[in-house]
């Protein structure tokens, strides 16, 4: 049986591309996760691994959808193979049912790990360089101190409702109450 596994990191992303590729590869059952690959507890992956039987094949769209790291990826694939389960990755054309496929899997996994490490290093260096130039990370504050003081004044005067204050300042009620609870003694 061909069993698929798809994963996206956030709810803003969708499964369509991965699912379409797995259906084209004739997967009879597909398991899903919406969670960062760095998280160790992935319900969909665990269900897929429990579902698989000897002679089955686990198929993913791309190698990075399966493992958190090279070590984790190798553990999963080695565990599958010890149970007589094959592994395929569509994007990298990996098929562990052949000697060449096994070799290619190990080489590709090493390059994927290397690429993740390079990205991590570049990101860290970029953030350090930005900090050295006085830049801070994160979003800009929605509510400036001036706007907050005005909102607080109107709130204390009880001359406007919270909805009116928020509408006039272009903020959400939740933001207003967050500032009120965290910035007023």
N, C-alpha and C. Protein backbone atom coordinates (compact mmCIF):
# COMPACT_ATOMS: atom_id res chain seq x y z
N UNK A 1 0.84 -1.18 0.00
CA UNK A 1 0.00 0.00 0.00
C UNK A 1 0.89 1.24 0.00
N UNK A 2 0.49 2.25 -0.76
CA UNK A 2 1.21 3.51 -0.82
C UNK A 2 0.54 4.49 0.14
N UNK A 3 1.30 4.95 1.12
CA UNK A 3 0.78 5.84 2.16
C UNK A 3 1.55 7.15 2.09
N UNK A 4 0.81 8.26 2.09
CA UNK A 4 1.44 9.57 1.99
C UNK A 4 1.46 10.31 3.31
N UNK A 5 2.41 11.23 3.42
CA UNK A 5 2.49 12.11 4.59
C UNK A 5 2.80 13.51 4.10
N UNK A 6 2.00 14.49 4.55
CA UNK A 6 2.22 15.89 4.19
C UNK A 6 2.33 16.71 5.47
N UNK A 7 3.10 17.80 5.37
CA UNK A 7 3.24 18.69 6.52
C UNK A 7 3.43 20.11 6.04
N UNK A 8 2.74 21.03 6.71
CA UNK A 8 3.00 22.45 6.54
C UNK A 8 3.34 23.00 7.92
N UNK A 9 4.10 24.08 7.94
CA UNK A 9 4.57 24.62 9.22
C UNK A 9 3.57 25.53 9.91
N UNK A 10 2.72 26.21 9.12
CA UNK A 10 1.77 27.15 9.72
C UNK A 10 0.40 26.97 9.08
N UNK A 11 -0.62 27.49 9.75
CA UNK A 11 -1.98 27.40 9.22
C UNK A 11 -2.15 28.28 7.98
N UNK A 12 -1.23 29.24 7.76
CA UNK A 12 -1.31 30.10 6.58
C UNK A 12 -0.92 29.34 5.31
N UNK A 13 -0.20 28.26 5.46
CA UNK A 13 0.21 27.46 4.31
C UNK A 13 -0.86 26.42 4.02
N UNK A 14 -0.86 25.87 2.80
CA UNK A 14 -1.84 24.81 2.53
C UNK A 14 -1.15 23.57 1.96
N UNK A 15 -1.91 22.49 2.00
CA UNK A 15 -1.40 21.17 1.63
C UNK A 15 -1.53 20.86 0.14
N UNK A 16 -2.22 21.71 -0.62
CA UNK A 16 -2.64 21.37 -1.99
C UNK A 16 -1.53 20.79 -2.87
N UNK A 17 -0.42 21.48 -2.96
CA UNK A 17 0.68 21.04 -3.83
C UNK A 17 1.15 19.64 -3.43
N UNK A 18 1.35 19.43 -2.13
CA UNK A 18 1.83 18.14 -1.65
C UNK A 18 0.80 17.03 -1.89
N UNK A 19 -0.46 17.32 -1.56
CA UNK A 19 -1.52 16.31 -1.72
C UNK A 19 -1.70 15.94 -3.19
N UNK A 20 -1.68 16.95 -4.07
CA UNK A 20 -1.82 16.68 -5.51
C UNK A 20 -0.71 15.73 -5.99
N UNK A 21 0.52 15.99 -5.55
CA UNK A 21 1.65 15.14 -5.96
C UNK A 21 1.50 13.72 -5.41
N UNK A 22 1.03 13.60 -4.17
CA UNK A 22 0.86 12.27 -3.57
C UNK A 22 -0.27 11.50 -4.24
N UNK A 23 -1.34 12.20 -4.61
CA UNK A 23 -2.43 11.53 -5.33
C UNK A 23 -1.95 11.06 -6.70
N UNK A 24 -1.14 11.88 -7.34
CA UNK A 24 -0.59 11.51 -8.65
C UNK A 24 0.32 10.28 -8.51
N UNK A 25 0.94 10.13 -7.34
CA UNK A 25 1.81 8.98 -7.07
C UNK A 25 1.00 7.77 -6.57
N UNK A 26 -0.34 7.89 -6.65
CA UNK A 26 -1.26 6.80 -6.29
C UNK A 26 -1.32 6.44 -4.81
N UNK A 27 -1.09 7.42 -3.93
CA UNK A 27 -1.23 7.16 -2.50
C UNK A 27 -2.69 6.87 -2.18
N UNK A 28 -2.91 5.81 -1.43
CA UNK A 28 -4.27 5.41 -1.07
C UNK A 28 -4.73 6.08 0.22
N UNK A 29 -3.81 6.47 1.07
CA UNK A 29 -4.14 7.14 2.32
C UNK A 29 -3.08 8.20 2.57
N UNK A 30 -3.53 9.39 3.04
CA UNK A 30 -2.61 10.50 3.28
C UNK A 30 -2.83 11.03 4.69
N UNK A 31 -1.74 11.17 5.43
CA UNK A 31 -1.77 11.73 6.78
C UNK A 31 -1.20 13.14 6.75
N UNK A 32 -1.72 14.03 7.62
CA UNK A 32 -1.35 15.45 7.57
C UNK A 32 -0.92 15.96 8.94
N UNK A 33 -0.03 16.96 8.91
CA UNK A 33 0.36 17.72 10.10
C UNK A 33 0.46 19.19 9.74
N UNK A 34 0.01 20.04 10.64
CA UNK A 34 0.24 21.48 10.54
C UNK A 34 1.06 21.85 11.76
N UNK A 35 2.36 21.74 11.62
CA UNK A 35 3.25 21.97 12.75
C UNK A 35 4.66 22.12 12.23
N UNK A 36 5.47 22.86 12.93
CA UNK A 36 6.86 23.02 12.54
C UNK A 36 7.57 21.67 12.52
N UNK A 37 8.45 21.51 11.56
CA UNK A 37 9.22 20.27 11.49
C UNK A 37 10.15 20.10 12.68
N UNK A 38 10.42 21.21 13.39
CA UNK A 38 11.30 21.14 14.56
C UNK A 38 10.62 20.49 15.76
N UNK A 39 9.31 20.43 15.73
CA UNK A 39 8.57 19.82 16.85
C UNK A 39 8.69 18.31 16.77
N UNK A 40 8.91 17.68 17.91
CA UNK A 40 9.09 16.23 17.90
C UNK A 40 7.77 15.48 17.89
N UNK A 41 6.73 16.02 18.48
CA UNK A 41 5.44 15.33 18.52
C UNK A 41 4.58 15.76 17.33
N UNK A 42 4.49 14.90 16.35
CA UNK A 42 3.67 15.19 15.17
C UNK A 42 2.64 14.07 15.05
N UNK A 43 1.40 14.43 15.37
CA UNK A 43 0.32 13.45 15.43
C UNK A 43 0.13 12.72 14.09
N UNK A 44 0.08 13.49 13.00
CA UNK A 44 -0.12 12.89 11.68
C UNK A 44 0.98 11.92 11.31
N UNK A 45 2.22 12.30 11.59
CA UNK A 45 3.36 11.42 11.28
C UNK A 45 3.28 10.16 12.12
N UNK A 46 2.99 10.32 13.41
CA UNK A 46 2.89 9.14 14.28
C UNK A 46 1.78 8.20 13.81
N UNK A 47 0.65 8.77 13.39
CA UNK A 47 -0.45 7.94 12.87
C UNK A 47 -0.02 7.21 11.60
N UNK A 48 0.69 7.91 10.72
CA UNK A 48 1.17 7.28 9.48
C UNK A 48 2.12 6.13 9.79
N UNK A 49 3.05 6.37 10.71
CA UNK A 49 4.03 5.33 11.05
C UNK A 49 3.35 4.12 11.70
N UNK A 50 2.31 4.37 12.50
CA UNK A 50 1.56 3.26 13.12
C UNK A 50 0.75 2.49 12.09
N UNK A 51 0.28 3.19 11.06
CA UNK A 51 -0.59 2.60 10.04
C UNK A 51 0.19 1.68 9.08
N UNK A 52 1.44 2.03 8.81
CA UNK A 52 2.25 1.30 7.83
C UNK A 52 2.53 -0.14 8.26
N UNK A 53 2.55 -1.04 7.27
CA UNK A 53 2.85 -2.46 7.49
C UNK A 53 3.95 -2.89 6.52
N UNK A 54 4.55 -4.02 6.80
CA UNK A 54 5.59 -4.56 5.93
C UNK A 54 5.07 -4.65 4.50
N UNK A 55 5.88 -4.19 3.56
CA UNK A 55 5.49 -4.20 2.15
C UNK A 55 4.91 -2.86 1.69
N UNK A 56 4.53 -2.00 2.65
CA UNK A 56 3.99 -0.68 2.31
C UNK A 56 5.13 0.27 1.94
N UNK A 57 4.75 1.42 1.40
CA UNK A 57 5.72 2.47 1.08
C UNK A 57 5.19 3.79 1.60
N UNK A 58 6.04 4.50 2.35
CA UNK A 58 5.70 5.85 2.82
C UNK A 58 6.23 6.83 1.78
N UNK A 59 5.35 7.72 1.32
CA UNK A 59 5.74 8.69 0.30
C UNK A 59 5.53 10.11 0.84
N UNK A 60 6.54 10.95 0.65
CA UNK A 60 6.44 12.37 0.99
C UNK A 60 6.71 13.18 -0.28
N UNK A 61 6.23 14.41 -0.29
CA UNK A 61 6.47 15.27 -1.45
C UNK A 61 7.94 15.69 -1.49
N UNK A 62 8.46 16.06 -0.32
CA UNK A 62 9.82 16.55 -0.23
C UNK A 62 10.45 16.05 1.06
N UNK A 63 11.72 15.77 1.03
CA UNK A 63 12.44 15.20 2.16
C UNK A 63 12.28 16.00 3.45
N UNK A 64 12.32 17.33 3.35
CA UNK A 64 12.26 18.15 4.56
C UNK A 64 10.89 18.12 5.25
N UNK A 65 9.89 17.55 4.58
CA UNK A 65 8.57 17.42 5.19
C UNK A 65 8.56 16.31 6.24
N UNK A 66 9.52 15.40 6.18
CA UNK A 66 9.52 14.24 7.07
C UNK A 66 10.34 14.44 8.33
N UNK A 67 11.61 14.82 8.20
CA UNK A 67 12.49 14.83 9.36
C UNK A 67 12.89 16.21 9.83
N UNK A 68 13.17 16.33 11.14
CA UNK A 68 13.60 17.58 11.76
C UNK A 68 15.08 17.84 11.49
N UNK A 69 15.82 16.76 11.35
CA UNK A 69 17.27 16.86 11.18
C UNK A 69 17.73 15.63 10.41
N UNK A 70 18.99 15.64 10.03
CA UNK A 70 19.54 14.48 9.33
C UNK A 70 19.41 13.24 10.21
N UNK A 71 19.74 13.40 11.48
CA UNK A 71 19.67 12.27 12.41
C UNK A 71 18.24 11.72 12.50
N UNK A 72 17.28 12.63 12.65
CA UNK A 72 15.87 12.22 12.77
C UNK A 72 15.40 11.54 11.49
N UNK A 73 15.76 12.10 10.36
CA UNK A 73 15.39 11.54 9.07
C UNK A 73 15.94 10.12 8.91
N UNK A 74 17.21 9.96 9.23
CA UNK A 74 17.83 8.64 9.13
C UNK A 74 17.18 7.64 10.08
N UNK A 75 16.85 8.10 11.29
CA UNK A 75 16.18 7.21 12.26
C UNK A 75 14.85 6.71 11.70
N UNK A 76 14.06 7.63 11.15
CA UNK A 76 12.75 7.25 10.61
C UNK A 76 12.91 6.25 9.47
N UNK A 77 13.75 6.59 8.50
CA UNK A 77 13.90 5.74 7.32
C UNK A 77 14.51 4.38 7.70
N UNK A 78 15.49 4.37 8.59
CA UNK A 78 16.08 3.10 9.02
C UNK A 78 15.05 2.25 9.77
N UNK A 79 14.23 2.90 10.59
CA UNK A 79 13.17 2.18 11.31
C UNK A 79 12.16 1.59 10.32
N UNK A 80 11.80 2.37 9.30
CA UNK A 80 10.87 1.87 8.28
C UNK A 80 11.47 0.64 7.59
N UNK A 81 12.72 0.75 7.18
CA UNK A 81 13.35 -0.35 6.46
C UNK A 81 13.47 -1.61 7.32
N UNK A 82 13.70 -1.45 8.62
CA UNK A 82 13.79 -2.62 9.50
C UNK A 82 12.45 -3.35 9.61
N UNK A 83 11.36 -2.62 9.29
CA UNK A 83 10.02 -3.22 9.33
C UNK A 83 9.57 -3.68 7.94
N UNK A 84 10.46 -3.56 6.95
CA UNK A 84 10.10 -3.98 5.60
C UNK A 84 9.27 -2.94 4.86
N UNK A 85 9.37 -1.68 5.29
CA UNK A 85 8.61 -0.58 4.69
C UNK A 85 9.59 0.28 3.88
N UNK A 86 9.20 0.61 2.65
CA UNK A 86 10.05 1.43 1.79
C UNK A 86 9.70 2.90 1.96
N UNK A 87 10.57 3.77 1.45
CA UNK A 87 10.37 5.21 1.55
C UNK A 87 10.64 5.85 0.20
N UNK A 88 9.77 6.80 -0.17
CA UNK A 88 9.97 7.56 -1.41
C UNK A 88 9.77 9.04 -1.14
N UNK A 89 10.58 9.86 -1.79
CA UNK A 89 10.42 11.30 -1.77
C UNK A 89 10.29 11.76 -3.22
N UNK A 90 9.16 12.35 -3.54
CA UNK A 90 8.86 12.70 -4.93
C UNK A 90 9.82 13.74 -5.49
N UNK A 91 9.98 14.84 -4.78
CA UNK A 91 10.76 15.97 -5.29
C UNK A 91 12.22 15.59 -5.55
N UNK A 92 12.80 14.79 -4.68
CA UNK A 92 14.20 14.40 -4.84
C UNK A 92 14.37 13.08 -5.60
N UNK A 93 13.27 12.48 -6.04
CA UNK A 93 13.29 11.19 -6.76
C UNK A 93 14.04 10.11 -5.98
N UNK A 94 13.74 10.03 -4.70
CA UNK A 94 14.38 9.03 -3.84
C UNK A 94 13.44 7.85 -3.67
N UNK A 95 13.99 6.65 -3.82
CA UNK A 95 13.23 5.41 -3.63
C UNK A 95 14.16 4.42 -2.95
N UNK A 96 13.93 4.18 -1.65
CA UNK A 96 14.85 3.33 -0.88
C UNK A 96 14.69 1.84 -1.17
N UNK A 97 13.85 1.50 -2.12
CA UNK A 97 13.72 0.08 -2.46
C UNK A 97 14.88 -0.38 -3.35
N UNK A 98 15.72 0.57 -3.80
CA UNK A 98 16.88 0.21 -4.63
C UNK A 98 18.16 0.66 -3.92
N UNK A 99 19.27 0.04 -4.25
CA UNK A 99 20.57 0.41 -3.66
C UNK A 99 20.92 1.85 -4.02
N UNK A 100 20.68 2.22 -5.27
CA UNK A 100 20.95 3.59 -5.71
C UNK A 100 20.08 4.57 -4.95
N UNK A 101 18.83 4.21 -4.75
CA UNK A 101 17.91 5.07 -4.01
C UNK A 101 18.34 5.28 -2.58
N UNK A 102 18.82 4.21 -1.94
CA UNK A 102 19.32 4.32 -0.56
C UNK A 102 20.53 5.25 -0.50
N UNK A 103 21.45 5.07 -1.45
CA UNK A 103 22.64 5.92 -1.51
C UNK A 103 22.24 7.38 -1.72
N UNK A 104 21.38 7.60 -2.69
CA UNK A 104 20.95 8.95 -3.02
C UNK A 104 20.22 9.59 -1.83
N UNK A 105 19.45 8.80 -1.10
CA UNK A 105 18.76 9.30 0.09
C UNK A 105 19.76 9.86 1.09
N UNK A 106 20.81 9.09 1.38
CA UNK A 106 21.79 9.54 2.37
C UNK A 106 22.53 10.80 1.91
N UNK A 107 22.88 10.86 0.65
CA UNK A 107 23.57 12.05 0.12
C UNK A 107 22.64 13.26 0.18
N UNK A 108 21.41 13.11 -0.26
CA UNK A 108 20.45 14.22 -0.27
C UNK A 108 20.15 14.69 1.14
N UNK A 109 20.01 13.77 2.07
CA UNK A 109 19.74 14.14 3.46
C UNK A 109 20.89 14.96 4.03
N UNK A 110 22.12 14.60 3.68
CA UNK A 110 23.29 15.36 4.14
C UNK A 110 23.27 16.79 3.58
N UNK A 111 22.95 16.91 2.29
CA UNK A 111 22.88 18.24 1.69
C UNK A 111 21.75 19.07 2.30
N UNK A 112 20.63 18.45 2.59
CA UNK A 112 19.50 19.16 3.20
C UNK A 112 19.89 19.69 4.57
N UNK A 113 20.57 18.87 5.35
CA UNK A 113 21.05 19.29 6.68
C UNK A 113 22.04 20.44 6.54
N UNK A 114 22.96 20.33 5.58
CA UNK A 114 23.95 21.36 5.33
C UNK A 114 23.27 22.68 4.96
N UNK A 115 22.27 22.60 4.09
CA UNK A 115 21.54 23.80 3.66
C UNK A 115 20.83 24.46 4.84
N UNK A 116 20.17 23.67 5.70
CA UNK A 116 19.50 24.23 6.88
C UNK A 116 20.50 24.93 7.79
N UNK A 117 21.67 24.32 7.97
CA UNK A 117 22.70 24.94 8.81
C UNK A 117 23.21 26.25 8.21
N UNK A 118 23.39 26.28 6.89
CA UNK A 118 23.82 27.52 6.23
C UNK A 118 22.78 28.62 6.41
N UNK A 119 21.52 28.28 6.23
CA UNK A 119 20.44 29.27 6.40
C UNK A 119 20.44 29.79 7.83
N UNK A 120 20.58 28.89 8.79
CA UNK A 120 20.61 29.29 10.21
C UNK A 120 21.77 30.25 10.47
N UNK A 121 22.96 29.92 9.93
CA UNK A 121 24.13 30.77 10.12
C UNK A 121 23.95 32.13 9.46
N UNK A 122 23.41 32.16 8.24
CA UNK A 122 23.20 33.44 7.55
C UNK A 122 22.18 34.30 8.28
N UNK A 123 21.12 33.66 8.78
CA UNK A 123 20.10 34.40 9.52
C UNK A 123 20.70 35.01 10.78
N UNK A 124 21.46 34.22 11.50
CA UNK A 124 22.09 34.70 12.73
C UNK A 124 23.04 35.86 12.43
N UNK A 125 23.86 35.72 11.39
CA UNK A 125 24.80 36.78 11.01
C UNK A 125 24.06 38.04 10.59
N UNK A 126 22.98 37.89 9.86
CA UNK A 126 22.18 39.04 9.43
C UNK A 126 21.56 39.77 10.60
N UNK A 127 21.04 39.03 11.57
CA UNK A 127 20.44 39.65 12.76
C UNK A 127 21.50 40.38 13.58
N UNK A 128 22.68 39.76 13.72
CA UNK A 128 23.77 40.40 14.46
C UNK A 128 24.22 41.69 13.77
N UNK A 129 24.32 41.66 12.44
CA UNK A 129 24.72 42.85 11.69
C UNK A 129 23.68 43.96 11.83
N UNK A 130 22.40 43.59 11.79
CA UNK A 130 21.33 44.58 11.94
C UNK A 130 21.37 45.19 13.34
N UNK A 131 21.58 44.36 14.36
CA UNK A 131 21.67 44.87 15.74
C UNK A 131 22.86 45.82 15.89
N UNK A 132 23.97 45.49 15.24
CA UNK A 132 25.16 46.34 15.30
C UNK A 132 24.89 47.71 14.69
N UNK A 133 23.97 47.77 13.74
CA UNK A 133 23.59 49.05 13.12
C UNK A 133 22.44 49.72 13.87
N UNK A 134 22.05 49.14 15.02
CA UNK A 134 21.01 49.75 15.84
C UNK A 134 19.59 49.35 15.50
N UNK A 135 19.42 48.39 14.65
CA UNK A 135 18.08 47.96 14.28
C UNK A 135 17.61 46.87 15.21
N UNK A 136 16.32 46.87 15.47
CA UNK A 136 15.73 45.84 16.31
C UNK A 136 14.84 44.96 15.46
N UNK A 137 14.66 43.72 15.89
CA UNK A 137 13.77 42.81 15.19
C UNK A 137 12.34 42.97 15.68
N UNK A 138 11.45 42.26 15.05
CA UNK A 138 10.05 42.27 15.48
C UNK A 138 9.22 43.31 14.75
N UNK A 139 7.93 43.26 15.05
CA UNK A 139 7.01 44.20 14.41
C UNK A 139 7.10 45.57 15.07
N UNK A 140 6.70 46.59 14.32
CA UNK A 140 6.61 47.92 14.89
C UNK A 140 5.42 47.94 15.84
N UNK A 141 5.54 48.75 16.87
CA UNK A 141 4.46 48.88 17.84
C UNK A 141 3.23 49.46 17.15
N UNK A 142 2.08 48.86 17.41
CA UNK A 142 0.83 49.32 16.83
C UNK A 142 0.40 50.61 17.50
N UNK A 143 0.70 50.70 18.77
CA UNK A 143 0.24 51.82 19.58
C UNK A 143 1.46 52.58 20.09
N UNK A 144 1.64 53.81 19.59
CA UNK A 144 2.76 54.64 20.05
C UNK A 144 2.43 55.13 21.46
N UNK A 145 3.45 55.57 22.20
CA UNK A 145 3.18 56.10 23.55
C UNK A 145 2.19 57.27 23.52
N UNK A 146 2.28 58.11 22.49
CA UNK A 146 1.36 59.25 22.39
C UNK A 146 -0.07 58.77 22.20
N UNK A 147 -0.26 57.82 21.28
CA UNK A 147 -1.60 57.27 21.05
C UNK A 147 -2.13 56.59 22.30
N UNK A 148 -1.26 55.85 22.98
CA UNK A 148 -1.71 55.15 24.18
C UNK A 148 -2.11 56.14 25.27
N UNK A 149 -1.32 57.21 25.44
CA UNK A 149 -1.67 58.21 26.46
C UNK A 149 -3.00 58.87 26.14
N UNK A 150 -3.25 59.14 24.85
CA UNK A 150 -4.54 59.70 24.44
C UNK A 150 -5.66 58.71 24.73
N UNK A 151 -5.45 57.46 24.37
CA UNK A 151 -6.47 56.43 24.61
C UNK A 151 -6.74 56.29 26.10
N UNK A 152 -5.69 56.32 26.90
CA UNK A 152 -5.83 56.19 28.36
C UNK A 152 -6.60 57.38 28.93
N UNK A 153 -6.29 58.57 28.43
CA UNK A 153 -6.98 59.78 28.90
C UNK A 153 -8.48 59.68 28.58
N UNK A 154 -8.81 59.30 27.35
CA UNK A 154 -10.22 59.17 26.96
C UNK A 154 -10.91 58.08 27.77
N UNK A 155 -10.19 57.01 28.04
CA UNK A 155 -10.76 55.89 28.81
C UNK A 155 -11.05 56.33 30.24
N UNK A 156 -10.11 57.05 30.85
CA UNK A 156 -10.28 57.49 32.24
C UNK A 156 -11.37 58.55 32.36
N UNK A 157 -11.50 59.39 31.33
CA UNK A 157 -12.55 60.42 31.35
C UNK A 157 -13.94 59.82 31.15
N UNK A 158 -13.96 58.60 30.64
CA UNK A 158 -15.21 57.90 30.31
C UNK A 158 -16.06 58.71 29.31
N UNK A 159 -15.37 59.48 28.48
CA UNK A 159 -16.07 60.28 27.48
C UNK A 159 -16.34 59.50 26.20
N UNK A 160 -15.64 58.39 26.05
CA UNK A 160 -15.81 57.54 24.87
C UNK A 160 -15.85 56.08 25.30
N UNK A 161 -16.53 55.27 24.51
CA UNK A 161 -16.52 53.83 24.78
C UNK A 161 -15.19 53.26 24.30
N UNK A 162 -14.86 52.08 24.76
CA UNK A 162 -13.63 51.42 24.32
C UNK A 162 -13.67 51.20 22.81
N UNK A 163 -14.84 50.82 22.29
CA UNK A 163 -14.97 50.62 20.83
C UNK A 163 -14.68 51.90 20.07
N UNK A 164 -15.18 53.04 20.57
CA UNK A 164 -14.93 54.33 19.91
C UNK A 164 -13.45 54.69 19.96
N UNK A 165 -12.84 54.48 21.10
CA UNK A 165 -11.41 54.78 21.24
C UNK A 165 -10.60 53.94 20.25
N UNK A 166 -10.90 52.65 20.22
CA UNK A 166 -10.17 51.74 19.32
C UNK A 166 -10.38 52.10 17.86
N UNK A 167 -11.61 52.43 17.50
CA UNK A 167 -11.92 52.79 16.11
C UNK A 167 -11.17 54.06 15.72
N UNK A 168 -11.17 55.06 16.59
CA UNK A 168 -10.49 56.33 16.30
C UNK A 168 -8.98 56.17 16.16
N UNK A 169 -8.41 55.25 16.93
CA UNK A 169 -6.96 55.06 16.90
C UNK A 169 -6.53 53.96 15.92
N UNK A 170 -7.51 53.26 15.36
CA UNK A 170 -7.20 52.21 14.39
C UNK A 170 -6.55 50.98 15.01
N UNK A 171 -7.01 50.64 16.21
CA UNK A 171 -6.48 49.46 16.89
C UNK A 171 -7.61 48.52 17.27
N UNK A 172 -7.26 47.32 17.65
CA UNK A 172 -8.26 46.34 18.07
C UNK A 172 -8.45 46.46 19.58
N UNK A 173 -9.64 46.02 20.04
CA UNK A 173 -9.94 46.04 21.48
C UNK A 173 -8.88 45.26 22.26
N UNK A 174 -8.50 44.13 21.71
CA UNK A 174 -7.51 43.27 22.38
C UNK A 174 -6.20 44.02 22.60
N UNK A 175 -5.76 44.79 21.59
CA UNK A 175 -4.53 45.57 21.71
C UNK A 175 -4.68 46.61 22.81
N UNK A 176 -5.82 47.30 22.81
CA UNK A 176 -6.06 48.33 23.83
C UNK A 176 -5.98 47.72 25.23
N UNK A 177 -6.68 46.62 25.44
CA UNK A 177 -6.69 45.99 26.77
C UNK A 177 -5.32 45.42 27.13
N UNK A 178 -4.60 44.94 26.14
CA UNK A 178 -3.24 44.45 26.39
C UNK A 178 -2.38 45.58 26.95
N UNK A 179 -2.42 46.73 26.28
CA UNK A 179 -1.64 47.88 26.74
C UNK A 179 -2.14 48.34 28.11
N UNK A 180 -3.43 48.38 28.27
CA UNK A 180 -4.02 48.82 29.54
C UNK A 180 -3.56 47.93 30.69
N UNK A 181 -3.60 46.62 30.48
CA UNK A 181 -3.22 45.68 31.54
C UNK A 181 -1.72 45.62 31.80
N UNK A 182 -0.91 45.86 30.77
CA UNK A 182 0.54 45.71 30.92
C UNK A 182 1.32 47.00 31.11
N UNK A 183 0.68 48.14 30.87
CA UNK A 183 1.42 49.41 30.92
C UNK A 183 0.86 50.40 31.92
N UNK A 184 -0.19 50.06 32.62
CA UNK A 184 -0.77 50.98 33.59
C UNK A 184 -0.62 50.39 34.98
N UNK A 185 -0.04 51.14 35.87
CA UNK A 185 0.15 50.66 37.25
C UNK A 185 -1.09 50.96 38.08
